[in-house]
Amino acid sequence: MDLIKFERMKNDKGFIAALDQSGGSTPKALASYGIPKDTYNSDDEMFQLVHEMRTRIIKSPAFTKDRILAAILFEKTMDMKIDDVYSADFLWDNKGILPILKVDKGLMDLENGVQLMKPIPGLEDLLSRAKERHIFGTKMRSVIKENNKVGIKAIVAQQFEIGLKIFSADFIPILEPEVDINAPDKKEIEQTLKEEILSQLNKLDKNITLMFKLTIPDSDNFYAEIIEHPNVLRVVALSGGYSRELSNEKLAKNPKLIASFSRALTEGLSKKQSDEEFNNMLDESIQSIYEASIK
């Protein structure tokens, strides 16, 4: 593990930009950006368009290491270039921003109130390529929709099992057991989830380091025990469908919990905007998320 990169993630102020929209979420991201689905004819064209959107964000003068610690990339983004340089190298060498790779392959059908991750075939090969592309860490998402202890136990066990494999390959894994913000028993889910995460953390050897990406909790400072746990490098929050304003408001009530927003980050950005309009909007977005992350 590169100690300079490790110490940056551990100690520096800022947040993580989630630029990892994949097959299922890409059309929504493009539509929000002003590119409707009927304007492109293939997946290749779609991924090229979203890469151009991400490139515009990353190259913006508003997208700086002073406020952004890392950016999460989709696998295709890792293999694509920005100004003839692989995306991860552009982020670190040109911007001083850590590159993180989304490694999951989507969600299984709902069972026991949760959606586990689909199997990740070829994970070792993907991690080998990620090493060549100078990726710092990984991220993988599963979703909890009900306070079902059997399901939550399974989802946390799966996250830890794969996360430990990734750590052994010399990456920092971000475990993301998302709680659906629309779940009627969200607060109870969060209690069960926290207990299960702490139970798993307390079994780990002291040399193992993980990160977590969690839905902003209903109770302020709720994940403090996880944030302060000796095996945890950082805990970041997903916006989960909340607006940027509401996400920032909720995040600011959770000391040491920092943002890893996707939709909330890009809210208001449009392909039709001039560079000045685009950069100003992105700057306002980044500044508001940064301020909520350092409170």
C-alpha atoms as a PDB file:
ATOM      1  CA  MET A   1       0.000   0.000   0.000  1.00  0.00           C
ATOM      2  CA  ASP A   2       1.275   3.454  -0.977  1.00  0.00           C
ATOM      3  CA  LEU A   3       1.670   5.258   2.371  1.00  0.00           C
ATOM      4  CA  ILE A   4       1.297   8.727   0.841  1.00  0.00           C
ATOM      5  CA  LYS A   5      -2.085   7.755  -0.607  1.00  0.00           C
ATOM      6  CA  PHE A   6      -3.089   5.944   2.587  1.00  0.00           C
ATOM      7  CA  GLU A   7      -2.267   8.960   4.767  1.00  0.00           C
ATOM      8  CA  ARG A   8      -4.149  11.279   2.407  1.00  0.00           C
ATOM      9  CA  MET A   9      -7.308   9.215   2.753  1.00  0.00           C
ATOM     10  CA  LYS A  10      -6.840   8.901   6.502  1.00  0.00           C
ATOM     11  CA  ASN A  11      -6.048  12.499   7.421  1.00  0.00           C
ATOM     12  CA  ASP A  12      -6.941  15.033   4.726  1.00  0.00           C
ATOM     13  CA  LYS A  13     -10.137  17.055   4.636  1.00  0.00           C
ATOM     14  CA  GLY A  14     -12.593  16.583   1.788  1.00  0.00           C
ATOM     15  CA  PHE A  15     -15.046  14.080   0.360  1.00  0.00           C
ATOM     16  CA  ILE A  16     -15.296  11.355  -2.284  1.00  0.00           C
ATOM     17  CA  ALA A  17     -16.923  12.077  -5.646  1.00  0.00           C
ATOM     18  CA  ALA A  18     -18.946   9.086  -6.854  1.00  0.00           C
ATOM     19  CA  LEU A  19     -18.606   9.003 -10.654  1.00  0.00           C
ATOM     20  CA  ASP A  20     -19.313   5.297 -11.001  1.00  0.00           C
ATOM     21  CA  GLN A  21     -22.734   5.113 -12.669  1.00  0.00           C
ATOM     22  CA  SER A  22     -22.913   1.737 -14.422  1.00  0.00           C
ATOM     23  CA  GLY A  23     -25.226   0.101 -16.945  1.00  0.00           C
ATOM     24  CA  GLY A  24     -28.447   0.459 -14.975  1.00  0.00           C
ATOM     25  CA  SER A  25     -27.923   3.980 -13.645  1.00  0.00           C
ATOM     26  CA  THR A  26     -26.157   5.535 -16.639  1.00  0.00           C
ATOM     27  CA  PRO A  27     -29.329   6.417 -18.637  1.00  0.00           C
ATOM     28  CA  LYS A  28     -30.729   8.294 -15.610  1.00  0.00           C
ATOM     29  CA  ALA A  29     -27.448  10.135 -15.104  1.00  0.00           C
ATOM     30  CA  LEU A  30     -27.334  11.141 -18.771  1.00  0.00           C
ATOM     31  CA  ALA A  31     -30.987  12.207 -18.765  1.00  0.00           C
ATOM     32  CA  SER A  32     -30.346  14.442 -15.751  1.00  0.00           C
ATOM     33  CA  TYR A  33     -27.406  15.907 -17.653  1.00  0.00           C
ATOM     34  CA  GLY A  34     -29.664  16.697 -20.618  1.00  0.00           C
ATOM     35  CA  ILE A  35     -29.007  13.684 -22.852  1.00  0.00           C
ATOM     36  CA  PRO A  36     -32.250  11.662 -23.190  1.00  0.00           C
ATOM     37  CA  LYS A  37     -32.207   7.944 -23.941  1.00  0.00           C
ATOM     38  CA  ASP A  38     -33.548   8.350 -27.480  1.00  0.00           C
ATOM     39  CA  THR A  39     -30.464  10.337 -28.558  1.00  0.00           C
ATOM     40  CA  TYR A  40     -28.055   7.356 -28.501  1.00  0.00           C
ATOM     41  CA  ASN A  41     -28.358   3.953 -30.131  1.00  0.00           C
ATOM     42  CA  SER A  42     -26.035   1.540 -28.320  1.00  0.00           C
ATOM     43  CA  ASP A  43     -24.351   0.820 -25.000  1.00  0.00           C
ATOM     44  CA  ASP A  44     -20.998   1.816 -26.474  1.00  0.00           C
ATOM     45  CA  GLU A  45     -22.395   5.206 -27.459  1.00  0.00           C
ATOM     46  CA  MET A  46     -24.008   5.587 -24.040  1.00  0.00           C
ATOM     47  CA  PHE A  47     -20.763   4.840 -22.199  1.00  0.00           C
ATOM     48  CA  GLN A  48     -18.840   7.234 -24.431  1.00  0.00           C
ATOM     49  CA  LEU A  49     -21.327  10.000 -23.630  1.00  0.00           C
ATOM     50  CA  VAL A  50     -21.126   9.392 -19.875  1.00  0.00           C
ATOM     51  CA  HIS A  51     -17.321   9.306 -20.104  1.00  0.00           C
ATOM     52  CA  GLU A  52     -17.434  12.722 -21.746  1.00  0.00           C
ATOM     53  CA  MET A  53     -19.636  13.957 -18.893  1.00  0.00           C
ATOM     54  CA  ARG A  54     -17.254  12.550 -16.278  1.00  0.00           C
ATOM     55  CA  THR A  55     -14.263  13.976 -18.132  1.00  0.00           C
ATOM     56  CA  ARG A  56     -15.854  17.427 -18.098  1.00  0.00           C
ATOM     57  CA  ILE A  57     -16.366  17.125 -14.339  1.00  0.00           C
ATOM     58  CA  ILE A  58     -12.863  15.829 -13.598  1.00  0.00           C
ATOM     59  CA  LYS A  59     -11.132  18.428 -15.802  1.00  0.00           C
ATOM     60  CA  SER A  60     -13.130  21.308 -14.339  1.00  0.00           C
ATOM     61  CA  PRO A  61     -11.078  23.805 -12.327  1.00  0.00           C
ATOM     62  CA  ALA A  62     -13.652  23.301  -9.569  1.00  0.00           C
ATOM     63  CA  PHE A  63     -12.688  19.630  -9.194  1.00  0.00           C
ATOM     64  CA  THR A  64      -9.649  20.000  -6.914  1.00  0.00           C
ATOM     65  CA  LYS A  65      -7.741  17.963  -4.338  1.00  0.00           C
ATOM     66  CA  ASP A  66      -8.327  20.698  -1.753  1.00  0.00           C
ATOM     67  CA  ARG A  67     -11.946  19.567  -1.455  1.00  0.00           C
ATOM     68  CA  ILE A  68     -12.060  16.141  -3.103  1.00  0.00           C
ATOM     69  CA  LEU A  69     -10.089  13.244  -1.634  1.00  0.00           C
ATOM     70  CA  ALA A  70     -11.011  10.591  -4.178  1.00  0.00           C
ATOM     71  CA  ALA A  71     -13.257   9.722  -7.100  1.00  0.00           C
ATOM     72  CA  ILE A  72     -15.025   6.394  -7.620  1.00  0.00           C
ATOM     73  CA  LEU A  73     -14.795   5.115 -11.191  1.00  0.00           C
ATOM     74  CA  PHE A  74     -16.766   2.563 -13.193  1.00  0.00           C
ATOM     75  CA  GLU A  75     -14.707  -0.264 -14.722  1.00  0.00           C
ATOM     76  CA  LYS A  76     -15.071   1.127 -18.256  1.00  0.00           C
ATOM     77  CA  THR A  77     -13.909   4.538 -16.994  1.00  0.00           C
ATOM     78  CA  MET A  78     -10.770   2.928 -15.573  1.00  0.00           C
ATOM     79  CA  ASP A  79      -9.972   1.548 -19.006  1.00  0.00           C
ATOM     80  CA  MET A  80     -10.666   4.847 -20.802  1.00  0.00           C
ATOM     81  CA  LYS A  81      -8.434   7.879 -21.075  1.00  0.00           C
ATOM     82  CA  ILE A  82      -8.586  11.589 -20.331  1.00  0.00           C
ATOM     83  CA  ASP A  83      -6.236  13.636 -22.530  1.00  0.00           C
ATOM     84  CA  ASP A  84      -4.475  10.423 -23.646  1.00  0.00           C
ATOM     85  CA  VAL A  85      -3.826   9.373 -20.023  1.00  0.00           C
ATOM     86  CA  TYR A  86      -5.684   6.579 -18.242  1.00  0.00           C
ATOM     87  CA  SER A  87      -8.400   8.060 -16.026  1.00  0.00           C
ATOM     88  CA  ALA A  88      -6.893   6.942 -12.705  1.00  0.00           C
ATOM     89  CA  ASP A  89      -3.472   8.336 -13.620  1.00  0.00           C
ATOM     90  CA  PHE A  90      -5.045  11.617 -14.711  1.00  0.00           C
ATOM     91  CA  LEU A  91      -6.829  11.874 -11.353  1.00  0.00           C
ATOM     92  CA  TRP A  92      -3.739  11.227  -9.244  1.00  0.00           C
ATOM     93  CA  ASP A  93      -0.948  12.709 -11.374  1.00  0.00           C
ATOM     94  CA  ASN A  94      -2.816  15.793 -12.600  1.00  0.00           C
ATOM     95  CA  LYS A  95      -5.252  16.402  -9.764  1.00  0.00           C
ATOM     96  CA  GLY A  96      -3.864  14.688  -6.660  1.00  0.00           C
ATOM     97  CA  ILE A  97      -7.186  12.823  -6.268  1.00  0.00           C
ATOM     98  CA  LEU A  98      -7.246   9.133  -5.309  1.00  0.00           C
ATOM     99  CA  PRO A  99      -8.869   6.746  -7.833  1.00  0.00           C
ATOM    100  CA  ILE A 100     -11.301   4.120  -6.504  1.00  0.00           C
ATOM    101  CA  LEU A 101     -12.930   1.376  -8.589  1.00  0.00           C
ATOM    102  CA  LYS A 102     -16.500   0.053  -8.387  1.00  0.00           C
ATOM    103  CA  VAL A 103     -16.144  -3.732  -8.577  1.00  0.00           C
ATOM    104  CA  ASP A 104     -19.640  -5.143  -8.013  1.00  0.00           C
ATOM    105  CA  LYS A 105     -21.758  -6.470 -10.890  1.00  0.00           C
ATOM    106  CA  GLY A 106     -25.146  -5.302  -9.657  1.00  0.00           C
ATOM    107  CA  LEU A 107     -27.811  -6.689  -7.336  1.00  0.00           C
ATOM    108  CA  MET A 108     -29.607  -9.983  -6.924  1.00  0.00           C
ATOM    109  CA  ASP A 109     -33.388 -10.171  -6.482  1.00  0.00           C
ATOM    110  CA  LEU A 110     -34.879  -9.220  -3.130  1.00  0.00           C
ATOM    111  CA  GLU A 111     -34.673 -12.009  -0.538  1.00  0.00           C
ATOM    112  CA  ASN A 112     -35.048 -11.726   3.242  1.00  0.00           C
ATOM    113  CA  GLY A 113     -35.510  -7.985   2.850  1.00  0.00           C
ATOM    114  CA  VAL A 114     -32.160  -7.389   1.126  1.00  0.00           C
ATOM    115  CA  GLN A 115     -30.514  -7.438  -2.280  1.00  0.00           C
ATOM    116  CA  LEU A 116     -27.171  -9.171  -2.091  1.00  0.00           C
ATOM    117  CA  MET A 117     -24.495  -8.520  -4.691  1.00  0.00           C
ATOM    118  CA  LYS A 118     -24.442 -10.725  -7.740  1.00  0.00           C
ATOM    119  CA  PRO A 119     -21.370 -12.974  -7.994  1.00  0.00           C
ATOM    120  CA  ILE A 120     -18.263 -11.147  -9.205  1.00  0.00           C
ATOM    121  CA  PRO A 121     -16.652 -13.517 -11.722  1.00  0.00           C
ATOM    122  CA  GLY A 122     -13.087 -12.651 -12.620  1.00  0.00           C
ATOM    123  CA  LEU A 123     -12.521 -10.518  -9.511  1.00  0.00           C
ATOM    124  CA  GLU A 124      -8.853 -11.502  -9.314  1.00  0.00           C
ATOM    125  CA  ASP A 125      -8.317 -10.495 -12.938  1.00  0.00           C
ATOM    126  CA  LEU A 126     -10.142  -7.202 -12.372  1.00  0.00           C
ATOM    127  CA  LEU A 127      -7.975  -6.444  -9.335  1.00  0.00           C
ATOM    128  CA  SER A 128      -4.862  -7.296 -11.335  1.00  0.00           C
ATOM    129  CA  ARG A 129      -5.881  -4.791 -14.005  1.00  0.00           C
ATOM    130  CA  ALA A 130      -6.756  -2.260 -11.307  1.00  0.00           C
ATOM    131  CA  LYS A 131      -3.247  -2.608  -9.914  1.00  0.00           C
ATOM    132  CA  GLU A 132      -1.814  -1.842 -13.361  1.00  0.00           C
ATOM    133  CA  ARG A 133      -4.085   1.221 -13.555  1.00  0.00           C
ATOM    134  CA  HIS A 134      -2.860   2.458 -10.113  1.00  0.00           C
ATOM    135  CA  ILE A 135      -6.235   2.164  -8.393  1.00  0.00           C
ATOM    136  CA  PHE A 136      -6.143   2.910  -4.632  1.00  0.00           C
ATOM    137  CA  GLY A 137      -9.301   1.178  -3.434  1.00  0.00           C
ATOM    138  CA  THR A 138     -12.577  -0.434  -4.426  1.00  0.00           C
ATOM    139  CA  LYS A 139     -16.290  -0.051  -3.745  1.00  0.00           C
ATOM    140  CA  MET A 140     -19.159  -2.537  -3.870  1.00  0.00           C
ATOM    141  CA  ARG A 141     -22.853  -1.969  -3.187  1.00  0.00           C
ATOM    142  CA  SER A 142     -25.698  -4.057  -1.845  1.00  0.00           C
ATOM    143  CA  VAL A 143     -29.078  -2.816  -0.538  1.00  0.00           C
ATOM    144  CA  ILE A 144     -31.188  -3.315   2.587  1.00  0.00           C
ATOM    145  CA  LYS A 145     -34.928  -2.652   2.318  1.00  0.00           C
ATOM    146  CA  GLU A 146     -36.357  -4.284   5.469  1.00  0.00           C
ATOM    147  CA  ASN A 147     -35.292  -4.872   9.064  1.00  0.00           C
ATOM    148  CA  ASN A 148     -34.780  -8.586   8.509  1.00  0.00           C
ATOM    149  CA  LYS A 149     -31.933  -9.848  10.717  1.00  0.00           C
ATOM    150  CA  VAL A 150     -31.282 -12.895   8.548  1.00  0.00           C
ATOM    151  CA  GLY A 151     -30.972 -10.736   5.440  1.00  0.00           C
ATOM    152  CA  ILE A 152     -28.850  -8.037   7.103  1.00  0.00           C
ATOM    153  CA  LYS A 153     -26.510 -10.654   8.568  1.00  0.00           C
ATOM    154  CA  ALA A 154     -26.104 -12.167   5.085  1.00  0.00           C
ATOM    155  CA  ILE A 155     -25.456  -8.825   3.436  1.00  0.00           C
ATOM    156  CA  VAL A 156     -22.786  -7.821   5.958  1.00  0.00           C
ATOM    157  CA  ALA A 157     -21.149 -11.266   5.775  1.00  0.00           C
ATOM    158  CA  GLN A 158     -20.961 -11.007   1.970  1.00  0.00           C
ATOM    159  CA  GLN A 159     -19.480  -7.507   2.109  1.00  0.00           C
ATOM    160  CA  PHE A 160     -16.809  -8.581   4.606  1.00  0.00           C
ATOM    161  CA  GLU A 161     -15.964 -11.792   2.771  1.00  0.00           C
ATOM    162  CA  ILE A 162     -15.276 -10.025  -0.520  1.00  0.00           C
ATOM    163  CA  GLY A 163     -13.799  -6.967   1.185  1.00  0.00           C
ATOM    164  CA  LEU A 164     -11.161  -9.080   2.924  1.00  0.00           C
ATOM    165  CA  LYS A 165     -10.200 -10.697  -0.391  1.00  0.00           C
ATOM    166  CA  ILE A 166      -9.762  -7.239  -1.869  1.00  0.00           C
ATOM    167  CA  PHE A 167      -7.705  -6.040   1.105  1.00  0.00           C
ATOM    168  CA  SER A 168      -5.428  -9.076   0.733  1.00  0.00           C
ATOM    169  CA  ALA A 169      -4.792  -7.947  -2.863  1.00  0.00           C
ATOM    170  CA  ASP A 170      -3.411  -4.653  -1.446  1.00  0.00           C
ATOM    171  CA  PHE A 171      -6.393  -2.347  -1.964  1.00  0.00           C
ATOM    172  CA  ILE A 172      -8.542  -0.475   0.546  1.00  0.00           C
ATOM    173  CA  PRO A 173     -12.089  -1.835   0.071  1.00  0.00           C
ATOM    174  CA  ILE A 174     -15.162   0.311   0.674  1.00  0.00           C
ATOM    175  CA  LEU A 175     -18.024  -1.854   1.929  1.00  0.00           C
ATOM    176  CA  GLU A 176     -21.410  -0.385   0.974  1.00  0.00           C
ATOM    177  CA  PRO A 177     -24.470  -2.029   2.545  1.00  0.00           C
ATOM    178  CA  GLU A 178     -26.900   0.752   1.560  1.00  0.00           C
ATOM    179  CA  VAL A 179     -30.083   1.273   3.569  1.00  0.00           C
ATOM    180  CA  ASP A 180     -32.996   2.299   1.340  1.00  0.00           C
ATOM    181  CA  ILE A 181     -33.992   5.822   2.423  1.00  0.00           C
ATOM    182  CA  ASN A 182     -37.648   4.951   1.740  1.00  0.00           C
ATOM    183  CA  ALA A 183     -37.709   1.949   4.076  1.00  0.00           C
ATOM    184  CA  PRO A 184     -40.466   2.553   6.666  1.00  0.00           C
ATOM    185  CA  ASP A 185     -38.291   1.025   9.395  1.00  0.00           C
ATOM    186  CA  LYS A 186     -35.050   2.748   8.354  1.00  0.00           C
ATOM    187  CA  LYS A 187     -34.036   3.611  11.920  1.00  0.00           C
ATOM    188  CA  GLU A 188     -34.466  -0.005  13.074  1.00  0.00           C
ATOM    189  CA  ILE A 189     -32.541  -1.272  10.037  1.00  0.00           C
ATOM    190  CA  GLU A 190     -29.656   1.023  10.915  1.00  0.00           C
ATOM    191  CA  GLN A 191     -29.529  -0.336  14.460  1.00  0.00           C
ATOM    192  CA  THR A 192     -29.398  -3.942  13.243  1.00  0.00           C
ATOM    193  CA  LEU A 193     -26.830  -3.040  10.587  1.00  0.00           C
ATOM    194  CA  LYS A 194     -24.549  -1.242  13.034  1.00  0.00           C
ATOM    195  CA  GLU A 195     -24.605  -4.153  15.459  1.00  0.00           C
ATOM    196  CA  GLU A 196     -23.724  -6.608  12.701  1.00  0.00           C
ATOM    197  CA  ILE A 197     -20.918  -4.447  11.289  1.00  0.00           C
ATOM    198  CA  LEU A 198     -19.363  -3.980  14.734  1.00  0.00           C
ATOM    199  CA  SER A 199     -19.631  -7.706  15.405  1.00  0.00           C
ATOM    200  CA  GLN A 200     -17.690  -8.429  12.208  1.00  0.00           C
ATOM    201  CA  LEU A 201     -15.150  -5.635  12.817  1.00  0.00           C
ATOM    202  CA  ASN A 202     -14.353  -6.928  16.286  1.00  0.00           C
ATOM    203  CA  LYS A 203     -13.276 -10.273  14.800  1.00  0.00           C
ATOM    204  CA  LEU A 204     -10.620  -8.750  12.533  1.00  0.00           C
ATOM    205  CA  ASP A 205      -6.854  -8.832  12.983  1.00  0.00           C
ATOM    206  CA  LYS A 206      -5.459  -5.422  13.852  1.00  0.00           C
ATOM    207  CA  ASN A 207      -3.552  -5.139  10.545  1.00  0.00           C
ATOM    208  CA  ILE A 208      -6.745  -5.139   8.431  1.00  0.00           C
ATOM    209  CA  THR A 209      -8.117  -1.796   7.252  1.00  0.00           C
ATOM    210  CA  LEU A 210     -11.543  -1.238   5.683  1.00  0.00           C
ATOM    211  CA  MET A 211     -13.772   1.664   4.722  1.00  0.00           C
ATOM    212  CA  PHE A 212     -17.560   1.893   4.718  1.00  0.00           C
ATOM    213  CA  LYS A 213     -20.084   3.753   2.611  1.00  0.00           C
ATOM    214  CA  LEU A 214     -23.358   4.057   4.507  1.00  0.00           C
ATOM    215  CA  THR A 215     -26.674   5.810   4.060  1.00  0.00           C
ATOM    216  CA  ILE A 216     -26.872   8.986   6.151  1.00  0.00           C
ATOM    217  CA  PRO A 217     -28.474   7.759   9.405  1.00  0.00           C
ATOM    218  CA  ASP A 218     -31.708   9.025  10.930  1.00  0.00           C
ATOM    219  CA  SER A 219     -30.034   9.477  14.351  1.00  0.00           C
ATOM    220  CA  ASP A 220     -27.256  12.075  14.446  1.00  0.00           C
ATOM    221  CA  ASN A 221     -23.707  10.742  14.939  1.00  0.00           C
ATOM    222  CA  PHE A 222     -25.118   7.221  14.883  1.00  0.00           C
ATOM    223  CA  TYR A 223     -22.101   5.573  13.265  1.00  0.00           C
ATOM    224  CA  ALA A 224     -19.488   7.105  15.581  1.00  0.00           C
ATOM    225  CA  GLU A 225     -18.415   3.680  16.904  1.00  0.00           C
ATOM    226  CA  ILE A 226     -17.717   2.476  13.381  1.00  0.00           C
ATOM    227  CA  ILE A 227     -15.921   5.700  12.423  1.00  0.00           C
ATOM    228  CA  GLU A 228     -13.649   5.419  15.481  1.00  0.00           C
ATOM    229  CA  HIS A 229     -13.023   1.679  15.164  1.00  0.00           C
ATOM    230  CA  PRO A 230      -9.280   0.871  14.818  1.00  0.00           C
ATOM    231  CA  ASN A 231      -9.887  -1.271  11.717  1.00  0.00           C
ATOM    232  CA  VAL A 232     -11.732   1.527   9.894  1.00  0.00           C
ATOM    233  CA  LEU A 233      -9.863   4.070   7.787  1.00  0.00           C
ATOM    234  CA  ARG A 234     -12.854   6.272   6.913  1.00  0.00           C
ATOM    235  CA  VAL A 235     -16.640   6.161   6.757  1.00  0.00           C
ATOM    236  CA  VAL A 236     -18.362   7.977   3.900  1.00  0.00           C
ATOM    237  CA  ALA A 237     -22.032   8.664   3.246  1.00  0.00           C
ATOM    238  CA  LEU A 238     -24.177   8.133   0.179  1.00  0.00           C
ATOM    239  CA  SER A 239     -26.988  10.548  -0.639  1.00  0.00           C
ATOM    240  CA  GLY A 240     -29.334   7.689  -1.580  1.00  0.00           C
ATOM    241  CA  GLY A 241     -31.833   9.856  -3.432  1.00  0.00           C
ATOM    242  CA  TYR A 242     -31.947  12.790  -1.024  1.00  0.00           C
ATOM    243  CA  SER A 243     -31.524  16.190  -2.684  1.00  0.00           C
ATOM    244  CA  ARG A 244     -28.140  17.867  -2.307  1.00  0.00           C
ATOM    245  CA  GLU A 245     -29.580  20.396   0.131  1.00  0.00           C
ATOM    246  CA  LEU A 246     -31.126  17.733   2.356  1.00  0.00           C
ATOM    247  CA  SER A 247     -28.080  15.452   2.054  1.00  0.00           C
ATOM    248  CA  ASN A 248     -25.799  18.255   3.192  1.00  0.00           C
ATOM    249  CA  GLU A 249     -28.136  19.202   6.028  1.00  0.00           C
ATOM    250  CA  LYS A 250     -28.220  15.622   7.326  1.00  0.00           C
ATOM    251  CA  LEU A 251     -24.502  15.014   6.763  1.00  0.00           C
ATOM    252  CA  ALA A 252     -23.480  18.111   8.732  1.00  0.00           C
ATOM    253  CA  LYS A 253     -25.079  16.582  11.848  1.00  0.00           C
ATOM    254  CA  ASN A 254     -22.663  13.627  11.706  1.00  0.00           C
ATOM    255  CA  PRO A 255     -19.108  14.629  12.724  1.00  0.00           C
ATOM    256  CA  LYS A 256     -16.312  12.832  10.852  1.00  0.00           C
ATOM    257  CA  LEU A 257     -18.783  11.278   8.398  1.00  0.00           C
ATOM    258  CA  ILE A 258     -17.857  12.584   4.941  1.00  0.00           C
ATOM    259  CA  ALA A 259     -19.767  12.586   1.678  1.00  0.00           C
ATOM    260  CA  SER A 260     -19.525  10.179  -1.221  1.00  0.00           C
ATOM    261  CA  PHE A 261     -22.309  11.636  -3.331  1.00  0.00           C
ATOM    262  CA  SER A 262     -23.286  10.838  -6.918  1.00  0.00           C
ATOM    263  CA  ARG A 263     -26.655  12.310  -7.863  1.00  0.00           C
ATOM    264  CA  ALA A 264     -26.365  15.026  -5.227  1.00  0.00           C
ATOM    265  CA  LEU A 265     -22.944  16.015  -6.627  1.00  0.00           C
ATOM    266  CA  THR A 266     -24.076  16.353 -10.248  1.00  0.00           C
ATOM    267  CA  GLU A 267     -27.490  17.883  -9.481  1.00  0.00           C
ATOM    268  CA  GLY A 268     -28.022  20.918 -11.719  1.00  0.00           C
ATOM    269  CA  LEU A 269     -25.243  20.173 -14.210  1.00  0.00           C
ATOM    270  CA  SER A 270     -26.203  20.213 -17.895  1.00  0.00           C
ATOM    271  CA  LYS A 271     -24.535  19.497 -21.206  1.00  0.00           C
ATOM    272  CA  LYS A 272     -26.068  22.719 -22.531  1.00  0.00           C
ATOM    273  CA  GLN A 273     -24.320  24.904 -19.972  1.00  0.00           C
ATOM    274  CA  SER A 274     -21.363  26.989 -21.073  1.00  0.00           C
ATOM    275  CA  ASP A 275     -18.065  26.043 -19.448  1.00  0.00           C
ATOM    276  CA  GLU A 276     -18.384  29.042 -17.148  1.00  0.00           C
ATOM    277  CA  GLU A 277     -21.932  28.098 -16.100  1.00  0.00           C
ATOM    278  CA  PHE A 278     -20.972  24.445 -15.675  1.00  0.00           C
ATOM    279  CA  ASN A 279     -17.859  25.209 -13.618  1.00  0.00           C
ATOM    280  CA  ASN A 280     -19.705  27.700 -11.409  1.00  0.00           C
ATOM    281  CA  MET A 281     -22.509  25.223 -10.724  1.00  0.00           C
ATOM    282  CA  LEU A 282     -20.023  22.428  -9.984  1.00  0.00           C
ATOM    283  CA  ASP A 283     -17.997  24.722  -7.752  1.00  0.00           C
ATOM    284  CA  GLU A 284     -21.074  25.617  -5.693  1.00  0.00           C
ATOM    285  CA  SER A 285     -22.019  21.952  -5.417  1.00  0.00           C
ATOM    286  CA  ILE A 286     -18.527  20.855  -4.379  1.00  0.00           C
ATOM    287  CA  GLN A 287     -18.171  23.671  -1.853  1.00  0.00           C
ATOM    288  CA  SER A 288     -21.498  22.910  -0.181  1.00  0.00           C
ATOM    289  CA  ILE A 289     -20.698  19.190   0.069  1.00  0.00           C
ATOM    290  CA  TYR A 290     -17.192  19.934   1.333  1.00  0.00           C
ATOM    291  CA  GLU A 291     -18.498  22.217   4.064  1.00  0.00           C
ATOM    292  CA  ALA A 292     -21.010  19.577   5.186  1.00  0.00           C
ATOM    293  CA  SER A 293     -18.225  16.960   5.219  1.00  0.00           C
ATOM    294  CA  ILE A 294     -15.823  18.862   7.487  1.00  0.00           C
ATOM    295  CA  LYS A 295     -18.282  19.911  10.199  1.00  0.00           C
END
